[in-house]
C-alpha atoms as a PDB file:
ATOM      1  CA  MET A   1      32.937  66.901 -42.638  1.00  0.00           C
ATOM      2  CA  THR A   2      30.133  66.116 -40.317  1.00  0.00           C
ATOM      3  CA  ALA A   3      27.690  68.474 -38.559  1.00  0.00           C
ATOM      4  CA  GLY A   4      30.054  69.155 -35.548  1.00  0.00           C
ATOM      5  CA  ILE A   5      32.497  70.700 -37.840  1.00  0.00           C
ATOM      6  CA  GLU A   6      30.018  72.842 -39.544  1.00  0.00           C
ATOM      7  CA  ARG A   7      29.716  74.979 -36.393  1.00  0.00           C
ATOM      8  CA  ARG A   8      33.131  76.453 -37.273  1.00  0.00           C
ATOM      9  CA  THR A   9      33.018  80.198 -37.974  1.00  0.00           C
ATOM     10  CA  ARG A  10      33.976  81.586 -41.262  1.00  0.00           C
ATOM     11  CA  ILE A  11      37.351  83.316 -41.818  1.00  0.00           C
ATOM     12  CA  ALA A  12      36.401  86.780 -43.212  1.00  0.00           C
ATOM     13  CA  GLY A  13      38.526  87.768 -46.163  1.00  0.00           C
ATOM     14  CA  ALA A  14      40.633  84.692 -46.322  1.00  0.00           C
ATOM     15  CA  LYS A  15      40.175  84.364 -50.106  1.00  0.00           C
ATOM     16  CA  ALA A  16      40.496  87.954 -50.748  1.00  0.00           C
ATOM     17  CA  ALA A  17      43.825  88.101 -48.707  1.00  0.00           C
ATOM     18  CA  ARG A  18      45.248  85.676 -51.259  1.00  0.00           C
ATOM     19  CA  LEU A  19      44.717  88.031 -54.241  1.00  0.00           C
ATOM     20  CA  PRO A  20      46.916  90.749 -55.465  1.00  0.00           C
ATOM     21  CA  SER A  21      46.496  94.382 -54.315  1.00  0.00           C
ATOM     22  CA  ALA A  22      44.347  95.262 -57.315  1.00  0.00           C
ATOM     23  CA  ALA A  23      41.770  92.811 -56.445  1.00  0.00           C
ATOM     24  CA  ARG A  24      41.733  93.202 -52.535  1.00  0.00           C
ATOM     25  CA  LEU A  25      39.199  96.109 -52.755  1.00  0.00           C
ATOM     26  CA  SER A  26      35.810  94.577 -51.812  1.00  0.00           C
ATOM     27  CA  ARG A  27      33.121  94.844 -54.435  1.00  0.00           C
ATOM     28  CA  ARG A  28      30.990  96.963 -51.938  1.00  0.00           C
ATOM     29  CA  SER A  29      33.796  99.299 -51.423  1.00  0.00           C
ATOM     30  CA  ALA A  30      34.458  99.552 -55.190  1.00  0.00           C
ATOM     31  CA  TRP A  31      30.766 100.141 -55.947  1.00  0.00           C
ATOM     32  CA  ALA A  32      30.642 102.859 -53.257  1.00  0.00           C
ATOM     33  CA  ILE A  33      33.741 104.600 -54.695  1.00  0.00           C
ATOM     34  CA  VAL A  34      32.479 104.368 -58.248  1.00  0.00           C
ATOM     35  CA  ALA A  35      28.906 105.425 -57.502  1.00  0.00           C
ATOM     36  CA  ALA A  36      30.102 108.436 -55.401  1.00  0.00           C
ATOM     37  CA  GLY A  37      32.783 109.513 -58.000  1.00  0.00           C
ATOM     38  CA  SER A  38      30.282 109.171 -60.887  1.00  0.00           C
ATOM     39  CA  VAL A  39      27.750 111.392 -59.092  1.00  0.00           C
ATOM     40  CA  LEU A  40      30.427 113.986 -58.346  1.00  0.00           C
ATOM     41  CA  ALA A  41      31.938 113.900 -61.818  1.00  0.00           C
ATOM     42  CA  VAL A  42      28.611 114.131 -63.678  1.00  0.00           C
ATOM     43  CA  ALA A  43      27.574 116.975 -61.435  1.00  0.00           C
ATOM     44  CA  GLY A  44      30.805 118.778 -61.778  1.00  0.00           C
ATOM     45  CA  ASP A  45      30.708 118.370 -65.562  1.00  0.00           C
ATOM     46  CA  ALA A  46      27.182 119.712 -65.740  1.00  0.00           C
ATOM     47  CA  LEU A  47      28.070 122.792 -63.636  1.00  0.00           C
ATOM     48  CA  THR A  48      31.341 123.741 -65.361  1.00  0.00           C
ATOM     49  CA  GLY A  49      30.174 123.064 -68.901  1.00  0.00           C
ATOM     50  CA  THR A  50      33.038 123.352 -71.431  1.00  0.00           C
ATOM     51  CA  GLN A  51      35.245 125.279 -69.038  1.00  0.00           C
ATOM     52  CA  ALA A  52      36.553 122.031 -67.416  1.00  0.00           C
ATOM     53  CA  TRP A  53      37.420 118.608 -68.894  1.00  0.00           C
ATOM     54  CA  PHE A  54      36.251 115.678 -66.956  1.00  0.00           C
ATOM     55  CA  GLY A  55      37.475 112.929 -69.341  1.00  0.00           C
ATOM     56  CA  PRO A  56      40.362 111.854 -67.123  1.00  0.00           C
ATOM     57  CA  ILE A  57      38.138 111.517 -64.126  1.00  0.00           C
ATOM     58  CA  TYR A  58      35.582 109.508 -66.107  1.00  0.00           C
ATOM     59  CA  LEU A  59      38.394 107.316 -67.453  1.00  0.00           C
ATOM     60  CA  ALA A  60      39.841 106.747 -63.932  1.00  0.00           C
ATOM     61  CA  LEU A  61      36.388 105.572 -62.730  1.00  0.00           C
ATOM     62  CA  ILE A  62      36.007 103.284 -65.640  1.00  0.00           C
ATOM     63  CA  GLY A  63      39.572 101.777 -64.888  1.00  0.00           C
ATOM     64  CA  LEU A  64      38.710 101.170 -61.328  1.00  0.00           C
ATOM     65  CA  ALA A  65      35.522  99.409 -62.342  1.00  0.00           C
ATOM     66  CA  ALA A  66      37.572  97.353 -64.780  1.00  0.00           C
ATOM     67  CA  LEU A  67      40.119  96.231 -62.065  1.00  0.00           C
ATOM     68  CA  SER A  68      37.657  95.728 -59.271  1.00  0.00           C
ATOM     69  CA  LEU A  69      34.208  94.945 -60.764  1.00  0.00           C
ATOM     70  CA  GLY A  70      34.873  93.464 -64.145  1.00  0.00           C
ATOM     71  CA  GLY A  71      34.833  94.324 -67.802  1.00  0.00           C
ATOM     72  CA  TYR A  72      31.111  94.269 -68.349  1.00  0.00           C
ATOM     73  CA  HIS A  73      30.488  96.656 -65.508  1.00  0.00           C
ATOM     74  CA  ALA A  74      33.226  98.956 -66.775  1.00  0.00           C
ATOM     75  CA  ILE A  75      31.845  98.937 -70.230  1.00  0.00           C
ATOM     76  CA  ALA A  76      28.423  99.892 -68.907  1.00  0.00           C
ATOM     77  CA  LEU A  77      29.841 102.632 -66.830  1.00  0.00           C
ATOM     78  CA  GLY A  78      31.727 103.996 -69.801  1.00  0.00           C
ATOM     79  CA  LEU A  79      28.465 103.960 -71.944  1.00  0.00           C
ATOM     80  CA  ALA A  80      26.666 105.835 -69.032  1.00  0.00           C
ATOM     81  CA  PHE A  81      29.285 108.417 -68.770  1.00  0.00           C
ATOM     82  CA  LEU A  82      29.238 108.869 -72.587  1.00  0.00           C
ATOM     83  CA  GLY A  83      25.453 109.414 -72.407  1.00  0.00           C
ATOM     84  CA  ALA A  84      25.660 111.734 -69.470  1.00  0.00           C
ATOM     85  CA  ALA A  85      28.429 113.893 -70.997  1.00  0.00           C
ATOM     86  CA  TYR A  86      26.317 114.136 -74.209  1.00  0.00           C
ATOM     87  CA  LEU A  87      23.195 115.138 -72.212  1.00  0.00           C
ATOM     88  CA  VAL A  88      24.841 117.845 -70.247  1.00  0.00           C
ATOM     89  CA  ASN A  89      27.159 119.256 -72.899  1.00  0.00           C
ATOM     90  CA  GLY A  90      25.926 117.721 -76.141  1.00  0.00           C
ATOM     91  CA  ASP A  91      25.134 121.096 -77.967  1.00  0.00           C
ATOM     92  CA  THR A  92      28.559 122.712 -77.181  1.00  0.00           C
ATOM     93  CA  LEU A  93      30.545 119.504 -77.646  1.00  0.00           C
ATOM     94  CA  TYR A  94      29.133 118.654 -81.035  1.00  0.00           C
ATOM     95  CA  PRO A  95      27.958 121.906 -82.541  1.00  0.00           C
ATOM     96  CA  PHE A  96      27.863 120.515 -86.087  1.00  0.00           C
ATOM     97  CA  GLY A  97      25.431 117.567 -84.952  1.00  0.00           C
ATOM     98  CA  GLY A  98      24.506 114.732 -87.319  1.00  0.00           C
ATOM     99  CA  GLY A  99      27.403 112.563 -88.598  1.00  0.00           C
ATOM    100  CA  ALA A 100      29.921 114.274 -86.402  1.00  0.00           C
ATOM    101  CA  VAL A 101      28.087 113.245 -83.241  1.00  0.00           C
ATOM    102  CA  ALA A 102      27.726 109.613 -84.421  1.00  0.00           C
ATOM    103  CA  TRP A 103      31.433 109.347 -85.439  1.00  0.00           C
ATOM    104  CA  ASN A 104      32.761 110.996 -82.217  1.00  0.00           C
ATOM    105  CA  MET A 105      30.561 108.782 -80.011  1.00  0.00           C
ATOM    106  CA  ALA A 106      31.638 105.637 -81.998  1.00  0.00           C
ATOM    107  CA  MET A 107      35.321 106.603 -81.538  1.00  0.00           C
ATOM    108  CA  ARG A 108      34.784 107.132 -77.860  1.00  0.00           C
ATOM    109  CA  VAL A 109      33.125 103.820 -77.446  1.00  0.00           C
ATOM    110  CA  VAL A 110      35.853 102.051 -79.339  1.00  0.00           C
ATOM    111  CA  GLY A 111      38.519 103.742 -77.111  1.00  0.00           C
ATOM    112  CA  VAL A 112      36.820 103.002 -73.725  1.00  0.00           C
ATOM    113  CA  SER A 113      36.305  99.384 -74.865  1.00  0.00           C
ATOM    114  CA  PHE A 114      39.966  98.895 -75.772  1.00  0.00           C
ATOM    115  CA  ILE A 115      41.083 100.440 -72.398  1.00  0.00           C
ATOM    116  CA  VAL A 116      38.740  98.251 -70.533  1.00  0.00           C
ATOM    117  CA  TRP A 117      39.764  95.152 -72.380  1.00  0.00           C
ATOM    118  CA  LEU A 118      43.460  96.025 -71.769  1.00  0.00           C
ATOM    119  CA  LEU A 119      43.010  96.594 -67.980  1.00  0.00           C
ATOM    120  CA  VAL A 120      40.965  93.225 -67.559  1.00  0.00           C
ATOM    121  CA  ARG A 121      43.859  91.311 -69.346  1.00  0.00           C
ATOM    122  CA  VAL A 122      46.391  93.043 -67.255  1.00  0.00           C
ATOM    123  CA  ARG A 123      44.353  92.189 -64.090  1.00  0.00           C
ATOM    124  CA  ARG A 124      43.978  88.485 -64.966  1.00  0.00           C
ATOM    125  CA  SER A 125      47.774  88.086 -65.857  1.00  0.00           C
ATOM    126  CA  HIS A 126      48.680  89.764 -62.742  1.00  0.00           C
ATOM    127  CA  ALA A 127      46.414  87.659 -60.619  1.00  0.00           C
ATOM    128  CA  GLN A 128      47.521  84.530 -62.407  1.00  0.00           C
ATOM    129  CA  GLN A 129      51.277  85.150 -61.846  1.00  0.00           C
ATOM    130  CA  TRP A 130      50.658  86.347 -58.198  1.00  0.00           C
ATOM    131  CA  LEU A 131      48.919  83.054 -57.447  1.00  0.00           C
ATOM    132  CA  LEU A 132      51.497  80.926 -59.292  1.00  0.00           C
ATOM    133  CA  ALA A 133      54.273  82.516 -57.217  1.00  0.00           C
ATOM    134  CA  ARG A 134      52.388  81.699 -54.081  1.00  0.00           C
ATOM    135  CA  THR A 135      50.971  78.165 -54.820  1.00  0.00           C
ATOM    136  CA  ASP A 136      52.773  74.904 -54.568  1.00  0.00           C
ATOM    137  CA  PRO A 137      52.574  73.566 -58.184  1.00  0.00           C
ATOM    138  CA  LEU A 138      52.307  69.788 -57.149  1.00  0.00           C
ATOM    139  CA  THR A 139      49.644  69.925 -54.526  1.00  0.00           C
ATOM    140  CA  GLY A 140      47.853  73.296 -55.283  1.00  0.00           C
ATOM    141  CA  ALA A 141      48.243  74.367 -51.565  1.00  0.00           C
ATOM    142  CA  LEU A 142      49.708  77.596 -50.519  1.00  0.00           C
ATOM    143  CA  ASN A 143      53.384  77.812 -50.308  1.00  0.00           C
ATOM    144  CA  ARG A 144      55.335  78.918 -47.257  1.00  0.00           C
ATOM    145  CA  GLN A 145      55.581  82.509 -48.486  1.00  0.00           C
ATOM    146  CA  ALA A 146      51.840  82.845 -49.151  1.00  0.00           C
ATOM    147  CA  PHE A 147      50.877  81.167 -45.841  1.00  0.00           C
ATOM    148  CA  PHE A 148      52.960  83.604 -43.771  1.00  0.00           C
ATOM    149  CA  GLU A 149      51.617  86.587 -45.922  1.00  0.00           C
ATOM    150  CA  THR A 150      47.985  85.567 -45.522  1.00  0.00           C
ATOM    151  CA  ALA A 151      47.502  84.088 -42.154  1.00  0.00           C
ATOM    152  CA  PRO A 152      48.436  87.100 -40.136  1.00  0.00           C
ATOM    153  CA  ARG A 153      45.804  89.117 -41.840  1.00  0.00           C
ATOM    154  CA  LEU A 154      42.998  86.886 -40.376  1.00  0.00           C
ATOM    155  CA  ALA A 155      42.211  88.525 -37.096  1.00  0.00           C
ATOM    156  CA  ARG A 156      41.086  86.207 -34.244  1.00  0.00           C
ATOM    157  CA  SER A 157      39.335  88.684 -31.927  1.00  0.00           C
ATOM    158  CA  THR A 158      36.262  86.551 -31.106  1.00  0.00           C
ATOM    159  CA  CYS A 159      37.020  83.074 -32.343  1.00  0.00           C
ATOM    160  CA  TRP A 160      39.339  80.179 -31.494  1.00  0.00           C
ATOM    161  CA  GLY A 161      42.163  79.420 -33.739  1.00  0.00           C
ATOM    162  CA  LEU A 162      43.516  76.078 -34.847  1.00  0.00           C
ATOM    163  CA  ILE A 163      47.143  75.467 -36.248  1.00  0.00           C
ATOM    164  CA  ALA A 164      47.595  71.944 -37.398  1.00  0.00           C
ATOM    165  CA  TYR A 165      51.039  70.848 -38.308  1.00  0.00           C
ATOM    166  CA  ALA A 166      51.103  67.566 -40.252  1.00  0.00           C
ATOM    167  CA  ASP A 167      53.950  65.283 -41.352  1.00  0.00           C
ATOM    168  CA  ILE A 168      53.565  62.273 -43.529  1.00  0.00           C
ATOM    169  CA  ASP A 169      55.246  59.260 -41.925  1.00  0.00           C
ATOM    170  CA  GLY A 170      57.569  56.972 -43.871  1.00  0.00           C
ATOM    171  CA  PHE A 171      57.528  59.439 -46.821  1.00  0.00           C
ATOM    172  CA  LYS A 172      61.381  59.118 -47.478  1.00  0.00           C
ATOM    173  CA  ALA A 173      61.075  55.324 -47.501  1.00  0.00           C
ATOM    174  CA  LEU A 174      58.107  55.549 -49.905  1.00  0.00           C
ATOM    175  CA  ASN A 175      60.229  57.649 -52.341  1.00  0.00           C
ATOM    176  CA  ASP A 176      63.085  55.252 -51.914  1.00  0.00           C
ATOM    177  CA  ILE A 177      61.176  52.236 -52.647  1.00  0.00           C
ATOM    178  CA  HIS A 178      58.505  53.374 -55.157  1.00  0.00           C
ATOM    179  CA  GLY A 179      60.203  56.317 -56.606  1.00  0.00           C
ATOM    180  CA  HIS A 180      59.497  60.115 -56.564  1.00  0.00           C
ATOM    181  CA  ALA A 181      56.495  59.802 -58.929  1.00  0.00           C
ATOM    182  CA  ALA A 182      54.721  57.690 -56.252  1.00  0.00           C
ATOM    183  CA  GLY A 183      55.714  60.166 -53.595  1.00  0.00           C
ATOM    184  CA  ASP A 184      54.418  63.038 -55.666  1.00  0.00           C
ATOM    185  CA  ALA A 185      51.083  61.036 -56.143  1.00  0.00           C
ATOM    186  CA  VAL A 186      50.729  60.637 -52.364  1.00  0.00           C
ATOM    187  CA  LEU A 187      51.380  64.316 -51.763  1.00  0.00           C
ATOM    188  CA  LYS A 188      48.772  65.303 -54.244  1.00  0.00           C
ATOM    189  CA  ALA A 189      46.351  62.786 -52.959  1.00  0.00           C
ATOM    190  CA  PHE A 190      47.009  63.898 -49.418  1.00  0.00           C
ATOM    191  CA  ALA A 191      46.355  67.645 -50.162  1.00  0.00           C
ATOM    192  CA  ASP A 192      43.270  66.948 -52.254  1.00  0.00           C
ATOM    193  CA  ASP A 193      41.824  64.832 -49.294  1.00  0.00           C
ATOM    194  CA  VAL A 194      42.576  67.545 -46.730  1.00  0.00           C
ATOM    195  CA  ARG A 195      41.071  70.165 -48.975  1.00  0.00           C
ATOM    196  CA  ARG A 196      37.850  68.254 -49.130  1.00  0.00           C
ATOM    197  CA  ALA A 197      37.828  68.015 -45.406  1.00  0.00           C
ATOM    198  CA  ILE A 198      38.125  71.733 -44.866  1.00  0.00           C
ATOM    199  CA  ARG A 199      36.350  74.791 -46.142  1.00  0.00           C
ATOM    200  CA  LYS A 200      37.541  76.882 -49.067  1.00  0.00           C
ATOM    201  CA  THR A 201      38.221  79.727 -46.631  1.00  0.00           C
ATOM    202  CA  ASP A 202      40.563  77.687 -44.502  1.00  0.00           C
ATOM    203  CA  LEU A 203      44.122  77.788 -45.297  1.00  0.00           C
ATOM    204  CA  LEU A 204      46.184  74.717 -46.441  1.00  0.00           C
ATOM    205  CA  ALA A 205      49.910  75.277 -47.012  1.00  0.00           C
ATOM    206  CA  ARG A 206      52.737  72.905 -47.916  1.00  0.00           C
ATOM    207  CA  ILE A 207      55.605  74.130 -45.707  1.00  0.00           C
ATOM    208  CA  GLY A 208      58.249  71.436 -46.413  1.00  0.00           C
ATOM    209  CA  GLY A 209      58.722  68.393 -48.472  1.00  0.00           C
ATOM    210  CA  ASP A 210      55.980  66.271 -46.719  1.00  0.00           C
ATOM    211  CA  GLU A 211      54.912  68.826 -44.073  1.00  0.00           C
ATOM    212  CA  PHE A 212      51.665  70.733 -44.267  1.00  0.00           C
ATOM    213  CA  VAL A 213      50.007  73.413 -42.153  1.00  0.00           C
ATOM    214  CA  ILE A 214      46.322  73.995 -41.755  1.00  0.00           C
ATOM    215  CA  TYR A 215      44.996  77.135 -40.310  1.00  0.00           C
ATOM    216  CA  LEU A 216      41.349  77.640 -39.308  1.00  0.00           C
ATOM    217  CA  GLU A 217      38.962  79.135 -36.806  1.00  0.00           C
ATOM    218  CA  ALA A 218      36.398  77.377 -34.609  1.00  0.00           C
ATOM    219  CA  ALA A 219      33.504  78.549 -32.440  1.00  0.00           C
ATOM    220  CA  SER A 220      34.837  77.002 -29.271  1.00  0.00           C
ATOM    221  CA  GLU A 221      37.694  75.002 -27.790  1.00  0.00           C
ATOM    222  CA  ALA A 222      35.478  71.874 -27.874  1.00  0.00           C
ATOM    223  CA  ASP A 223      34.624  72.416 -31.518  1.00  0.00           C
ATOM    224  CA  ALA A 224      38.456  72.872 -32.273  1.00  0.00           C
ATOM    225  CA  ARG A 225      39.221  69.660 -30.530  1.00  0.00           C
ATOM    226  CA  ALA A 226      36.518  67.731 -32.458  1.00  0.00           C
ATOM    227  CA  ILE A 227      37.986  69.240 -35.680  1.00  0.00           C
ATOM    228  CA  ALA A 228      41.534  68.156 -34.847  1.00  0.00           C
ATOM    229  CA  GLN A 229      40.301  64.579 -34.185  1.00  0.00           C
ATOM    230  CA  ARG A 230      38.399  64.391 -37.446  1.00  0.00           C
ATOM    231  CA  LEU A 231      41.236  65.819 -39.451  1.00  0.00           C
ATOM    232  CA  HIS A 232      43.605  63.269 -37.971  1.00  0.00           C
ATOM    233  CA  LEU A 233      41.329  60.437 -38.952  1.00  0.00           C
ATOM    234  CA  ARG A 234      40.846  61.879 -42.459  1.00  0.00           C
ATOM    235  CA  MET A 235      44.636  62.424 -42.948  1.00  0.00           C
ATOM    236  CA  ASN A 236      45.372  58.789 -42.095  1.00  0.00           C
ATOM    237  CA  ALA A 237      43.048  57.419 -44.695  1.00  0.00           C
ATOM    238  CA  VAL A 238      45.062  58.491 -47.797  1.00  0.00           C
ATOM    239  CA  ALA A 239      46.025  55.610 -49.996  1.00  0.00           C
ATOM    240  CA  ARG A 240      49.792  55.061 -50.398  1.00  0.00           C
ATOM    241  CA  ALA A 241      51.066  53.532 -53.646  1.00  0.00           C
ATOM    242  CA  GLY A 242      51.309  49.876 -53.169  1.00  0.00           C
ATOM    243  CA  SER A 243      51.442  49.708 -49.480  1.00  0.00           C
ATOM    244  CA  GLY A 244      48.037  50.507 -47.932  1.00  0.00           C
ATOM    245  CA  ALA A 245      47.231  53.684 -45.939  1.00  0.00           C
ATOM    246  CA  MET A 246      49.437  56.571 -45.641  1.00  0.00           C
ATOM    247  CA  ARG A 247      50.071  57.555 -41.926  1.00  0.00           C
ATOM    248  CA  CYS A 248      50.300  61.033 -40.698  1.00  0.00           C
ATOM    249  CA  SER A 249      51.505  62.508 -37.477  1.00  0.00           C
ATOM    250  CA  LEU A 250      49.527  65.617 -36.530  1.00  0.00           C
ATOM    251  CA  GLY A 251      50.451  68.393 -33.950  1.00  0.00           C
ATOM    252  CA  VAL A 252      47.559  70.745 -33.223  1.00  0.00           C
ATOM    253  CA  LEU A 253      47.826  73.982 -31.403  1.00  0.00           C
ATOM    254  CA  LEU A 254      44.486  75.649 -30.168  1.00  0.00           C
ATOM    255  CA  VAL A 255      44.684  79.335 -29.447  1.00  0.00           C
ATOM    256  CA  PRO A 256      41.979  81.324 -27.657  1.00  0.00           C
ATOM    257  CA  PRO A 257      40.329  84.556 -28.889  1.00  0.00           C
ATOM    258  CA  GLY A 258      42.674  87.480 -28.658  1.00  0.00           C
ATOM    259  CA  PRO A 259      46.097  88.539 -29.950  1.00  0.00           C
ATOM    260  CA  ALA A 260      47.953  86.312 -32.313  1.00  0.00           C
ATOM    261  CA  SER A 261      51.643  85.520 -32.960  1.00  0.00           C
ATOM    262  CA  LEU A 262      51.913  83.228 -35.969  1.00  0.00           C
ATOM    263  CA  ASP A 263      55.716  82.568 -35.559  1.00  0.00           C
ATOM    264  CA  ALA A 264      55.295  81.321 -31.988  1.00  0.00           C
ATOM    265  CA  GLU A 265      52.227  79.323 -32.916  1.00  0.00           C
ATOM    266  CA  ILE A 266      53.794  77.591 -35.753  1.00  0.00           C
ATOM    267  CA  ARG A 267      56.832  76.787 -33.585  1.00  0.00           C
ATOM    268  CA  LEU A 268      54.583  75.268 -31.009  1.00  0.00           C
ATOM    269  CA  ALA A 269      52.609  73.271 -33.432  1.00  0.00           C
ATOM    270  CA  ASP A 270      55.845  71.902 -35.005  1.00  0.00           C
ATOM    271  CA  MET A 271      56.969  70.819 -31.549  1.00  0.00           C
ATOM    272  CA  LEU A 272      53.683  69.017 -30.969  1.00  0.00           C
ATOM    273  CA  MET A 273      54.073  67.350 -34.332  1.00  0.00           C
ATOM    274  CA  TYR A 274      57.479  65.920 -33.467  1.00  0.00           C
ATOM    275  CA  GLN A 275      55.898  64.537 -30.232  1.00  0.00           C
ATOM    276  CA  ALA A 276      53.041  62.891 -32.306  1.00  0.00           C
ATOM    277  CA  LYS A 277      55.789  61.470 -34.769  1.00  0.00           C
ATOM    278  CA  SER A 278      57.727  59.951 -31.761  1.00  0.00           C
ATOM    279  CA  GLU A 279      54.561  58.045 -30.886  1.00  0.00           C
ATOM    280  CA  GLY A 280      53.972  56.913 -34.400  1.00  0.00           C
ATOM    281  CA  ALA A 281      51.319  58.678 -36.522  1.00  0.00           C
ATOM    282  CA  ALA A 282      49.649  60.044 -33.230  1.00  0.00           C
ATOM    283  CA  LEU A 283      47.567  63.213 -32.711  1.00  0.00           C
ATOM    284  CA  VAL A 284      48.876  65.554 -30.057  1.00  0.00           C
ATOM    285  CA  VAL A 285      46.646  68.597 -29.170  1.00  0.00           C
ATOM    286  CA  ALA A 286      47.535  71.333 -26.801  1.00  0.00           C
ATOM    287  CA  THR A 287      45.780  74.512 -25.691  1.00  0.00           C
ATOM    288  CA  ALA A 288      47.868  77.692 -25.695  1.00  0.00           C
ATOM    289  CA  ARG A 289      47.179  80.363 -23.047  1.00  0.00           C
ATOM    290  CA  TRP A 290      48.319  83.940 -22.940  1.00  0.00           C
ATOM    291  CA  HIS A 291      49.520  85.031 -19.546  1.00  0.00           C
ATOM    292  CA  ASP A 292      51.411  88.270 -18.806  1.00  0.00           C
ATOM    293  CA  GLY A 293      52.140  88.729 -22.509  1.00  0.00           C
ATOM    294  CA  ALA A 294      53.471  85.231 -23.047  1.00  0.00           C
ATOM    295  CA  LEU A 295      51.973  82.382 -24.959  1.00  0.00           C
ATOM    296  CA  ARG A 296      52.129  79.283 -22.637  1.00  0.00           C
ATOM    297  CA  VAL A 297      51.510  75.686 -23.239  1.00  0.00           C
ATOM    298  CA  PRO A 298      51.588  73.358 -20.252  1.00  0.00           C
ATOM    299  CA  ASP A 299      54.825  71.373 -19.641  1.00  0.00           C
ATOM    300  CA  MET A 300      56.305  71.873 -23.196  1.00  0.00           C
ATOM    301  CA  PRO A 301      60.045  72.440 -22.968  1.00  0.00           C
ATOM    302  CA  VAL A 302      61.502  75.842 -24.048  1.00  0.00           C
ATOM    303  CA  PRO A 303      62.896  75.656 -27.549  1.00  0.00           C
ATOM    304  CA  GLU A 304      66.660  76.080 -27.895  1.00  0.00           C
ATOM    305  CA  SER A 305      66.232  78.786 -30.531  1.00  0.00           C
ATOM    306  CA  PRO A 306      65.405  82.308 -29.208  1.00  0.00           C
ATOM    307  CA  ALA A 307      61.832  83.050 -28.969  1.00  0.00           C
ATOM    308  CA  ARG A 308      59.749  86.193 -28.089  1.00  0.00           C
ATOM    309  CA  PHE A 309      57.471  84.058 -25.933  1.00  0.00           C
ATOM    310  CA  ARG A 310      58.337  81.876 -22.869  1.00  0.00           C
ATOM    311  CA  LEU A 311      56.730  78.456 -23.520  1.00  0.00           C
ATOM    312  CA  VAL A 312      55.517  76.611 -20.522  1.00  0.00           C
ATOM    313  CA  ALA A 313      52.555  74.279 -19.738  1.00  0.00           C
ATOM    314  CA  ARG A 314      50.974  70.732 -20.170  1.00  0.00           C
ATOM    315  CA  ASN A 315      50.177  68.910 -23.517  1.00  0.00           C
ATOM    316  CA  ASP A 316      46.689  67.285 -23.963  1.00  0.00           C
ATOM    317  CA  ARG A 317      46.712  64.238 -26.069  1.00  0.00           C
ATOM    318  CA  ALA A 318      43.924  62.772 -28.211  1.00  0.00           C
ATOM    319  CA  ALA A 319      44.123  59.383 -29.745  1.00  0.00           C
END
């Protein structure tokens, strides 16, 4: 994207919000917990001597490090704990010295290493399965479940939000004429192209067969409008098998800083997309406003389905 789009603000924690709970703890928080726990555990071990066993506490901190910081850090922490325990309690723990000390230390290193290896494998497997369950296998975009899990966690307290609802025009005809393999290729090319046009921290989700949603934040309303126009141009440049460019209808809802209601925003963006589709691969942009607890968009008809918000106001179109 061009320099104008670079002014967009970052979505804090978007990537972390997609990971399973074991990995959501930030590295800074994990380091703080591990460091504080280590100091307290070693101090307590030194003060109590052989009267209290701190092995389970050491092991818990090593496990936390393995799950949140990685295997190498956990191994290093385990070795540090073994060294600290030997320094503060060495004479009483190993009264026979010599070979007994070496044997016990070796067995403890092997045991800690095995536990760390096991936890790292479990974490990787858990993360992989979690992501597979929330990722569209064809396009690599988030699926509907993942989108509605992730997007509400991204607070919009000081930034403008942009919800873009995209539909590929003529997709059914493409499948009928060229076959589903050609349709799958177009969907994949479309998603790849959109991914290159947005940041890694922005959200791209496949909501339906040929319908996609993009969620991002912008520094201002003007920036959000510029992003919408560039996205529309980029989305209409995807090659379609054997028949030129793939056309795309795009409905974009701009939401000012403040409270968010994802259900209402998606519903509005979907309605804007249908207006764009009726005009033929057009771009329809509307700015939502909060007033008396209701999300309003000028002159948009109230949807037939019950909604928590009354929808009124005028649509702004951009070619």
